[in-house]
Amino acid sequence: MPKVLIPTPLRPYVDNQDEVSIDKEGPISDVLASLISQYPSLQNHLYDGEGSLRGFINVYVNDEDIRYQDGEKTIVNANQDVSIVPSIAGGI
């Protein structure tokens, strides 16, 4: 069963958990859809109004950025970790 590691800013939307086990393997898009079905309030934080993953949300499968794999078609297997990493901007 894959684990999705939840960053601190998104934890309030998943009952303050730092990780969530997902009962779904396959494309990362399916894994994230399963996560959202469990925690619907995540939808607006991960996806834009057109259903695309927001540009400032980075997703990694076992520390590999999905943008450099097969994007949302990247396969997630049972013992893999998925990390959601929102970009942080700022400066002087």
PDB file of N, CA and C in Angstrom:
ATOM      1  N   MET A   1       0.853  -1.168   0.000  1.00  0.00           N
ATOM      2  CA  MET A   1       0.000   0.000   0.000  1.00  0.00           C
ATOM      3  C   MET A   1       0.909   1.244   0.000  1.00  0.00           C
ATOM      4  N   PRO A   2       0.786   2.105  -1.005  1.00  0.00           N
ATOM      5  CA  PRO A   2       1.613   3.317  -1.045  1.00  0.00           C
ATOM      6  C   PRO A   2       1.286   4.263   0.109  1.00  0.00           C
ATOM      7  N   LYS A   3       2.293   5.028   0.510  1.00  0.00           N
ATOM      8  CA  LYS A   3       2.103   6.072   1.516  1.00  0.00           C
ATOM      9  C   LYS A   3       2.279   7.419   0.832  1.00  0.00           C
ATOM     10  N   VAL A   4       1.402   8.346   1.177  1.00  0.00           N
ATOM     11  CA  VAL A   4       1.536   9.717   0.702  1.00  0.00           C
ATOM     12  C   VAL A   4       1.994  10.555   1.891  1.00  0.00           C
ATOM     13  N   LEU A   5       3.160  11.172   1.738  1.00  0.00           N
ATOM     14  CA  LEU A   5       3.709  12.022   2.791  1.00  0.00           C
ATOM     15  C   LEU A   5       3.115  13.413   2.630  1.00  0.00           C
ATOM     16  N   ILE A   6       2.515  13.911   3.694  1.00  0.00           N
ATOM     17  CA  ILE A   6       1.762  15.162   3.642  1.00  0.00           C
ATOM     18  C   ILE A   6       2.599  16.289   4.247  1.00  0.00           C
ATOM     19  N   PRO A   7       2.821  17.376   3.505  1.00  0.00           N
ATOM     20  CA  PRO A   7       3.588  18.496   4.054  1.00  0.00           C
ATOM     21  C   PRO A   7       2.766  19.243   5.115  1.00  0.00           C
ATOM     22  N   THR A   8       3.465  19.914   5.992  1.00  0.00           N
ATOM     23  CA  THR A   8       2.826  20.622   7.111  1.00  0.00           C
ATOM     24  C   THR A   8       1.671  21.530   6.685  1.00  0.00           C
ATOM     25  N   PRO A   9       1.805  22.351   5.615  1.00  0.00           N
ATOM     26  CA  PRO A   9       0.683  23.242   5.270  1.00  0.00           C
ATOM     27  C   PRO A   9      -0.605  22.522   4.857  1.00  0.00           C
ATOM     28  N   LEU A  10      -0.495  21.262   4.426  1.00  0.00           N
ATOM     29  CA  LEU A  10      -1.679  20.528   3.982  1.00  0.00           C
ATOM     30  C   LEU A  10      -2.238  19.586   5.048  1.00  0.00           C
ATOM     31  N   ARG A  11      -1.553  19.425   6.142  1.00  0.00           N
ATOM     32  CA  ARG A  11      -1.998  18.491   7.180  1.00  0.00           C
ATOM     33  C   ARG A  11      -3.362  18.820   7.773  1.00  0.00           C
ATOM     34  N   PRO A  12      -3.740  20.090   7.915  1.00  0.00           N
ATOM     35  CA  PRO A  12      -5.089  20.351   8.448  1.00  0.00           C
ATOM     36  C   PRO A  12      -6.202  19.740   7.590  1.00  0.00           C
ATOM     37  N   TYR A  13      -5.929  19.459   6.332  1.00  0.00           N
ATOM     38  CA  TYR A  13      -6.954  18.925   5.424  1.00  0.00           C
ATOM     39  C   TYR A  13      -6.998  17.394   5.432  1.00  0.00           C
ATOM     40  N   VAL A  14      -6.054  16.765   6.170  1.00  0.00           N
ATOM     41  CA  VAL A  14      -6.017  15.304   6.271  1.00  0.00           C
ATOM     42  C   VAL A  14      -5.988  14.876   7.741  1.00  0.00           C
ATOM     43  N   ASP A  15      -6.765  15.572   8.550  1.00  0.00           N
ATOM     44  CA  ASP A  15      -6.872  15.264   9.983  1.00  0.00           C
ATOM     45  C   ASP A  15      -5.519  15.341  10.691  1.00  0.00           C
ATOM     46  N   ASN A  16      -4.676  16.280  10.257  1.00  0.00           N
ATOM     47  CA  ASN A  16      -3.362  16.537  10.864  1.00  0.00           C
ATOM     48  C   ASN A  16      -2.408  15.348  10.826  1.00  0.00           C
ATOM     49  N   GLN A  17      -2.578  14.491   9.839  1.00  0.00           N
ATOM     50  CA  GLN A  17      -1.669  13.358   9.669  1.00  0.00           C
ATOM     51  C   GLN A  17      -0.449  13.783   8.846  1.00  0.00           C
ATOM     52  N   ASP A  18       0.691  13.177   9.131  1.00  0.00           N
ATOM     53  CA  ASP A  18       1.881  13.477   8.331  1.00  0.00           C
ATOM     54  C   ASP A  18       2.054  12.502   7.175  1.00  0.00           C
ATOM     55  N   GLU A  19       1.296  11.417   7.206  1.00  0.00           N
ATOM     56  CA  GLU A  19       1.270  10.494   6.071  1.00  0.00           C
ATOM     57  C   GLU A  19      -0.073   9.779   6.032  1.00  0.00           C
ATOM     58  N   VAL A  20      -0.456   9.397   4.818  1.00  0.00           N
ATOM     59  CA  VAL A  20      -1.731   8.721   4.604  1.00  0.00           C
ATOM     60  C   VAL A  20      -1.458   7.504   3.724  1.00  0.00           C
ATOM     61  N   SER A  21      -1.922   6.343   4.146  1.00  0.00           N
ATOM     62  CA  SER A  21      -1.806   5.141   3.327  1.00  0.00           C
ATOM     63  C   SER A  21      -2.966   5.117   2.341  1.00  0.00           C
ATOM     64  N   ILE A  22      -2.633   4.777   1.107  1.00  0.00           N
ATOM     65  CA  ILE A  22      -3.631   4.753   0.036  1.00  0.00           C
ATOM     66  C   ILE A  22      -3.799   3.320  -0.444  1.00  0.00           C
ATOM     67  N   ASP A  23      -5.020   2.891  -0.557  1.00  0.00           N
ATOM     68  CA  ASP A  23      -5.335   1.533  -0.970  1.00  0.00           C
ATOM     69  C   ASP A  23      -5.448   1.453  -2.486  1.00  0.00           C
ATOM     70  N   LYS A  24      -4.493   2.065  -3.180  1.00  0.00           N
ATOM     71  CA  LYS A  24      -4.555   2.132  -4.643  1.00  0.00           C
ATOM     72  C   LYS A  24      -3.140   2.166  -5.188  1.00  0.00           C
ATOM     73  N   GLU A  25      -2.867   1.341  -6.177  1.00  0.00           N
ATOM     74  CA  GLU A  25      -1.615   1.385  -6.912  1.00  0.00           C
ATOM     75  C   GLU A  25      -1.939   1.785  -8.341  1.00  0.00           C
ATOM     76  N   GLY A  26      -0.909   2.141  -9.097  1.00  0.00           N
ATOM     77  CA  GLY A  26      -1.109   2.509 -10.490  1.00  0.00           C
ATOM     78  C   GLY A  26      -0.603   3.903 -10.747  1.00  0.00           C
ATOM     79  N   PRO A  27      -1.156   4.569 -11.746  1.00  0.00           N
ATOM     80  CA  PRO A  27      -0.700   5.922 -12.077  1.00  0.00           C
ATOM     81  C   PRO A  27      -0.873   6.867 -10.889  1.00  0.00           C
ATOM     82  N   ILE A  28       0.057   7.784 -10.737  1.00  0.00           N
ATOM     83  CA  ILE A  28      -0.005   8.750  -9.640  1.00  0.00           C
ATOM     84  C   ILE A  28      -1.318   9.527  -9.675  1.00  0.00           C
ATOM     85  N   SER A  29      -1.867   9.753 -10.852  1.00  0.00           N
ATOM     86  CA  SER A  29      -3.156  10.456 -10.933  1.00  0.00           C
ATOM     87  C   SER A  29      -4.243   9.678 -10.199  1.00  0.00           C
ATOM     88  N   ASP A  30      -4.220   8.344 -10.278  1.00  0.00           N
ATOM     89  CA  ASP A  30      -5.196   7.522  -9.571  1.00  0.00           C
ATOM     90  C   ASP A  30      -4.945   7.527  -8.060  1.00  0.00           C
ATOM     91  N   VAL A  31      -3.677   7.511  -7.678  1.00  0.00           N
ATOM     92  CA  VAL A  31      -3.331   7.544  -6.253  1.00  0.00           C
ATOM     93  C   VAL A  31      -3.796   8.860  -5.640  1.00  0.00           C
ATOM     94  N   LEU A  32      -3.529   9.971  -6.336  1.00  0.00           N
ATOM     95  CA  LEU A  32      -3.966  11.273  -5.826  1.00  0.00           C
ATOM     96  C   LEU A  32      -5.493  11.382  -5.821  1.00  0.00           C
ATOM     97  N   ALA A  33      -6.159  10.803  -6.814  1.00  0.00           N
ATOM     98  CA  ALA A  33      -7.626  10.807  -6.834  1.00  0.00           C
ATOM     99  C   ALA A  33      -8.175  10.042  -5.626  1.00  0.00           C
ATOM    100  N   SER A  34      -7.523   8.943  -5.267  1.00  0.00           N
ATOM    101  CA  SER A  34      -7.939   8.175  -4.101  1.00  0.00           C
ATOM    102  C   SER A  34      -7.729   8.986  -2.822  1.00  0.00           C
ATOM    103  N   LEU A  35      -6.609   9.703  -2.756  1.00  0.00           N
ATOM    104  CA  LEU A  35      -6.344  10.569  -1.610  1.00  0.00           C
ATOM    105  C   LEU A  35      -7.432  11.632  -1.484  1.00  0.00           C
ATOM    106  N   ILE A  36      -7.800  12.241  -2.596  1.00  0.00           N
ATOM    107  CA  ILE A  36      -8.819  13.288  -2.585  1.00  0.00           C
ATOM    108  C   ILE A  36     -10.199  12.719  -2.261  1.00  0.00           C
ATOM    109  N   SER A  37     -10.454  11.486  -2.665  1.00  0.00           N
ATOM    110  CA  SER A  37     -11.751  10.897  -2.319  1.00  0.00           C
ATOM    111  C   SER A  37     -11.860  10.690  -0.807  1.00  0.00           C
ATOM    112  N   GLN A  38     -10.720  10.443  -0.149  1.00  0.00           N
ATOM    113  CA  GLN A  38     -10.709  10.308   1.309  1.00  0.00           C
ATOM    114  C   GLN A  38     -10.753  11.672   2.002  1.00  0.00           C
ATOM    115  N   TYR A  39     -10.115  12.657   1.373  1.00  0.00           N
ATOM    116  CA  TYR A  39      -9.997  13.998   1.953  1.00  0.00           C
ATOM    117  C   TYR A  39     -10.339  15.046   0.889  1.00  0.00           C
ATOM    118  N   PRO A  40     -11.627  15.238   0.614  1.00  0.00           N
ATOM    119  CA  PRO A  40     -12.063  16.120  -0.475  1.00  0.00           C
ATOM    120  C   PRO A  40     -11.573  17.558  -0.379  1.00  0.00           C
ATOM    121  N   SER A  41     -11.301  18.047   0.816  1.00  0.00           N
ATOM    122  CA  SER A  41     -10.862  19.441   0.938  1.00  0.00           C
ATOM    123  C   SER A  41      -9.468  19.664   0.361  1.00  0.00           C
ATOM    124  N   LEU A  42      -8.750  18.602   0.043  1.00  0.00           N
ATOM    125  CA  LEU A  42      -7.443  18.737  -0.614  1.00  0.00           C
ATOM    126  C   LEU A  42      -7.563  19.136  -2.080  1.00  0.00           C
ATOM    127  N   GLN A  43      -8.691  18.867  -2.688  1.00  0.00           N
ATOM    128  CA  GLN A  43      -8.891  19.105  -4.122  1.00  0.00           C
ATOM    129  C   GLN A  43      -8.416  20.489  -4.551  1.00  0.00           C
ATOM    130  N   ASN A  44      -8.892  21.524  -3.885  1.00  0.00           N
ATOM    131  CA  ASN A  44      -8.561  22.893  -4.286  1.00  0.00           C
ATOM    132  C   ASN A  44      -7.118  23.266  -4.015  1.00  0.00           C
ATOM    133  N   HIS A  45      -6.462  22.529  -3.155  1.00  0.00           N
ATOM    134  CA  HIS A  45      -5.066  22.822  -2.829  1.00  0.00           C
ATOM    135  C   HIS A  45      -4.097  22.127  -3.779  1.00  0.00           C
ATOM    136  N   LEU A  46      -4.549  21.043  -4.406  1.00  0.00           N
ATOM    137  CA  LEU A  46      -3.680  20.294  -5.319  1.00  0.00           C
ATOM    138  C   LEU A  46      -3.979  20.564  -6.789  1.00  0.00           C
ATOM    139  N   TYR A  47      -5.243  20.829  -7.117  1.00  0.00           N
ATOM    140  CA  TYR A  47      -5.654  20.974  -8.508  1.00  0.00           C
ATOM    141  C   TYR A  47      -6.292  22.333  -8.765  1.00  0.00           C
ATOM    142  N   ASP A  48      -6.107  22.814  -9.999  1.00  0.00           N
ATOM    143  CA  ASP A  48      -6.754  24.071 -10.380  1.00  0.00           C
ATOM    144  C   ASP A  48      -8.181  23.792 -10.841  1.00  0.00           C
ATOM    145  N   GLY A  49      -8.894  24.814 -11.246  1.00  0.00           N
ATOM    146  CA  GLY A  49     -10.284  24.687 -11.662  1.00  0.00           C
ATOM    147  C   GLY A  49     -10.493  23.838 -12.904  1.00  0.00           C
ATOM    148  N   GLU A  50      -9.432  23.600 -13.662  1.00  0.00           N
ATOM    149  CA  GLU A  50      -9.530  22.781 -14.876  1.00  0.00           C
ATOM    150  C   GLU A  50      -9.110  21.338 -14.638  1.00  0.00           C
ATOM    151  N   GLY A  51      -8.798  21.008 -13.383  1.00  0.00           N
ATOM    152  CA  GLY A  51      -8.433  19.637 -13.044  1.00  0.00           C
ATOM    153  C   GLY A  51      -6.969  19.299 -13.253  1.00  0.00           C
ATOM    154  N   SER A  52      -6.134  20.304 -13.481  1.00  0.00           N
ATOM    155  CA  SER A  52      -4.698  20.073 -13.640  1.00  0.00           C
ATOM    156  C   SER A  52      -3.999  20.285 -12.310  1.00  0.00           C
ATOM    157  N   LEU A  53      -2.958  19.495 -12.084  1.00  0.00           N
ATOM    158  CA  LEU A  53      -2.154  19.666 -10.888  1.00  0.00           C
ATOM    159  C   LEU A  53      -1.599  21.080 -10.876  1.00  0.00           C
ATOM    160  N   ARG A  54      -1.758  21.773  -9.772  1.00  0.00           N
ATOM    161  CA  ARG A  54      -1.287  23.165  -9.687  1.00  0.00           C
ATOM    162  C   ARG A  54       0.210  23.233  -9.945  1.00  0.00           C
ATOM    163  N   GLY A  55       0.641  24.306 -10.592  1.00  0.00           N
ATOM    164  CA  GLY A  55       2.035  24.474 -10.982  1.00  0.00           C
ATOM    165  C   GLY A  55       2.999  24.529  -9.819  1.00  0.00           C
ATOM    166  N   PHE A  56       2.537  24.968  -8.658  1.00  0.00           N
ATOM    167  CA  PHE A  56       3.435  25.077  -7.512  1.00  0.00           C
ATOM    168  C   PHE A  56       3.433  23.829  -6.637  1.00  0.00           C
ATOM    169  N   ILE A  57       2.733  22.787  -7.075  1.00  0.00           N
ATOM    170  CA  ILE A  57       2.723  21.513  -6.359  1.00  0.00           C
ATOM    171  C   ILE A  57       3.659  20.557  -7.073  1.00  0.00           C
ATOM    172  N   ASN A  58       4.663  20.098  -6.355  1.00  0.00           N
ATOM    173  CA  ASN A  58       5.602  19.118  -6.888  1.00  0.00           C
ATOM    174  C   ASN A  58       5.291  17.767  -6.260  1.00  0.00           C
ATOM    175  N   VAL A  59       5.325  16.734  -7.075  1.00  0.00           N
ATOM    176  CA  VAL A  59       5.023  15.390  -6.595  1.00  0.00           C
ATOM    177  C   VAL A  59       6.211  14.495  -6.914  1.00  0.00           C
ATOM    178  N   TYR A  60       6.603  13.724  -5.909  1.00  0.00           N
ATOM    179  CA  TYR A  60       7.736  12.815  -6.041  1.00  0.00           C
ATOM    180  C   TYR A  60       7.289  11.403  -5.705  1.00  0.00           C
ATOM    181  N   VAL A  61       7.792  10.431  -6.457  1.00  0.00           N
ATOM    182  CA  VAL A  61       7.597   9.029  -6.137  1.00  0.00           C
ATOM    183  C   VAL A  61       8.982   8.486  -5.805  1.00  0.00           C
ATOM    184  N   ASN A  62       9.143   8.066  -4.553  1.00  0.00           N
ATOM    185  CA  ASN A  62      10.455   7.612  -4.066  1.00  0.00           C
ATOM    186  C   ASN A  62      11.556   8.610  -4.402  1.00  0.00           C
ATOM    187  N   ASP A  63      11.326   9.856  -4.070  1.00  0.00           N
ATOM    188  CA  ASP A  63      12.304  10.944  -4.235  1.00  0.00           C
ATOM    189  C   ASP A  63      12.607  11.296  -5.690  1.00  0.00           C
ATOM    190  N   GLU A  64      11.836  10.787  -6.629  1.00  0.00           N
ATOM    191  CA  GLU A  64      12.009  11.119  -8.046  1.00  0.00           C
ATOM    192  C   GLU A  64      10.831  11.985  -8.495  1.00  0.00           C
ATOM    193  N   ASP A  65      11.140  13.160  -8.997  1.00  0.00           N
ATOM    194  CA  ASP A  65      10.130  14.107  -9.459  1.00  0.00           C
ATOM    195  C   ASP A  65       9.363  13.503 -10.637  1.00  0.00           C
ATOM    196  N   ILE A  66       8.027  13.488 -10.539  1.00  0.00           N
ATOM    197  CA  ILE A  66       7.236  12.886 -11.621  1.00  0.00           C
ATOM    198  C   ILE A  66       7.365  13.652 -12.926  1.00  0.00           C
ATOM    199  N   ARG A  67       7.776  14.925 -12.865  1.00  0.00           N
ATOM    200  CA  ARG A  67       7.954  15.702 -14.102  1.00  0.00           C
ATOM    201  C   ARG A  67       9.070  15.122 -14.962  1.00  0.00           C
ATOM    202  N   TYR A  68      10.007  14.408 -14.334  1.00  0.00           N
ATOM    203  CA  TYR A  68      11.119  13.810 -15.066  1.00  0.00           C
ATOM    204  C   TYR A  68      10.914  12.322 -15.293  1.00  0.00           C
ATOM    205  N   GLN A  69       9.716  11.846 -14.964  1.00  0.00           N
ATOM    206  CA  GLN A  69       9.338  10.463 -15.246  1.00  0.00           C
ATOM    207  C   GLN A  69       8.228  10.506 -16.293  1.00  0.00           C
ATOM    208  N   ASP A  70       7.079   9.987 -15.962  1.00  0.00           N
ATOM    209  CA  ASP A  70       5.955   9.972 -16.897  1.00  0.00           C
ATOM    210  C   ASP A  70       4.840  10.914 -16.469  1.00  0.00           C
ATOM    211  N   GLY A  71       5.188  11.969 -15.724  1.00  0.00           N
ATOM    212  CA  GLY A  71       4.179  12.919 -15.283  1.00  0.00           C
ATOM    213  C   GLY A  71       3.116  12.236 -14.443  1.00  0.00           C
ATOM    214  N   GLU A  72       1.867  12.589 -14.670  1.00  0.00           N
ATOM    215  CA  GLU A  72       0.775  12.005 -13.891  1.00  0.00           C
ATOM    216  C   GLU A  72       0.496  10.555 -14.253  1.00  0.00           C
ATOM    217  N   LYS A  73       1.208  10.028 -15.243  1.00  0.00           N
ATOM    218  CA  LYS A  73       1.095   8.607 -15.593  1.00  0.00           C
ATOM    219  C   LYS A  73       2.153   7.761 -14.880  1.00  0.00           C
ATOM    220  N   THR A  74       3.019   8.418 -14.090  1.00  0.00           N
ATOM    221  CA  THR A  74       4.050   7.701 -13.340  1.00  0.00           C
ATOM    222  C   THR A  74       3.384   6.655 -12.445  1.00  0.00           C
ATOM    223  N   ILE A  75       3.889   5.429 -12.514  1.00  0.00           N
ATOM    224  CA  ILE A  75       3.300   4.319 -11.766  1.00  0.00           C
ATOM    225  C   ILE A  75       3.812   4.303 -10.328  1.00  0.00           C
ATOM    226  N   VAL A  76       2.874   4.092  -9.410  1.00  0.00           N
ATOM    227  CA  VAL A  76       3.184   3.965  -7.990  1.00  0.00           C
ATOM    228  C   VAL A  76       2.853   2.532  -7.574  1.00  0.00           C
ATOM    229  N   ASN A  77       3.844   1.864  -6.994  1.00  0.00           N
ATOM    230  CA  ASN A  77       3.654   0.495  -6.524  1.00  0.00           C
ATOM    231  C   ASN A  77       3.422   0.466  -5.021  1.00  0.00           C
ATOM    232  N   ALA A  78       3.103  -0.704  -4.509  1.00  0.00           N
ATOM    233  CA  ALA A  78       2.668  -0.865  -3.119  1.00  0.00           C
ATOM    234  C   ALA A  78       3.620  -0.301  -2.080  1.00  0.00           C
ATOM    235  N   ASN A  79       4.895  -0.501  -2.223  1.00  0.00           N
ATOM    236  CA  ASN A  79       5.833  -0.110  -1.176  1.00  0.00           C
ATOM    237  C   ASN A  79       6.522   1.216  -1.449  1.00  0.00           C
ATOM    238  N   GLN A  80       5.963   2.021  -2.308  1.00  0.00           N
ATOM    239  CA  GLN A  80       6.582   3.298  -2.634  1.00  0.00           C
ATOM    240  C   GLN A  80       5.957   4.433  -1.834  1.00  0.00           C
ATOM    241  N   ASP A  81       6.761   5.486  -1.660  1.00  0.00           N
ATOM    242  CA  ASP A  81       6.297   6.695  -0.991  1.00  0.00           C
ATOM    243  C   ASP A  81       6.052   7.780  -2.023  1.00  0.00           C
ATOM    244  N   VAL A  82       4.981   8.511  -1.819  1.00  0.00           N
ATOM    245  CA  VAL A  82       4.652   9.672  -2.649  1.00  0.00           C
ATOM    246  C   VAL A  82       4.794  10.897  -1.751  1.00  0.00           C
ATOM    247  N   SER A  83       5.566  11.870  -2.210  1.00  0.00           N
ATOM    248  CA  SER A  83       5.729  13.105  -1.458  1.00  0.00           C
ATOM    249  C   SER A  83       5.075  14.241  -2.220  1.00  0.00           C
ATOM    250  N   ILE A  84       4.284  15.026  -1.525  1.00  0.00           N
ATOM    251  CA  ILE A  84       3.693  16.240  -2.082  1.00  0.00           C
ATOM    252  C   ILE A  84       4.487  17.407  -1.504  1.00  0.00           C
ATOM    253  N   VAL A  85       5.076  18.201  -2.387  1.00  0.00           N
ATOM    254  CA  VAL A  85       5.933  19.299  -1.940  1.00  0.00           C
ATOM    255  C   VAL A  85       5.469  20.597  -2.587  1.00  0.00           C
ATOM    256  N   PRO A  86       4.766  21.439  -1.825  1.00  0.00           N
ATOM    257  CA  PRO A  86       4.382  22.738  -2.404  1.00  0.00           C
ATOM    258  C   PRO A  86       5.613  23.652  -2.479  1.00  0.00           C
ATOM    259  N   SER A  87       5.725  24.371  -3.583  1.00  0.00           N
ATOM    260  CA  SER A  87       6.814  25.329  -3.728  1.00  0.00           C
ATOM    261  C   SER A  87       6.598  26.487  -2.768  1.00  0.00           C
ATOM    262  N   ILE A  88       7.677  27.004  -2.257  1.00  0.00           N
ATOM    263  CA  ILE A  88       7.610  28.143  -1.359  1.00  0.00           C
ATOM    264  C   ILE A  88       8.375  29.278  -2.003  1.00  0.00           C
ATOM    265  N   ALA A  89       7.730  30.409  -2.117  1.00  0.00           N
ATOM    266  CA  ALA A  89       8.370  31.577  -2.736  1.00  0.00           C
ATOM    267  C   ALA A  89       8.524  32.665  -1.681  1.00  0.00           C
ATOM    268  N   GLY A  90       9.429  33.517  -1.936  1.00  0.00           N
ATOM    269  CA  GLY A  90       9.616  34.623  -1.015  1.00  0.00           C
ATOM    270  C   GLY A  90      10.942  35.307  -1.322  1.00  0.00           C
ATOM    271  N   GLY A  91      11.263  36.231  -0.547  1.00  0.00           N
ATOM    272  CA  GLY A  91      12.529  36.918  -0.746  1.00  0.00           C
ATOM    273  C   GLY A  91      12.476  38.319  -0.177  1.00  0.00           C
ATOM    274  N   ILE A  92      13.488  39.015  -0.509  1.00  0.00           N
ATOM    275  CA  ILE A  92      13.628  40.369   0.028  1.00  0.00           C
ATOM    276  C   ILE A  92      13.089  41.367  -0.972  1.00  0.00           C
TER     277      ILE A  92
END
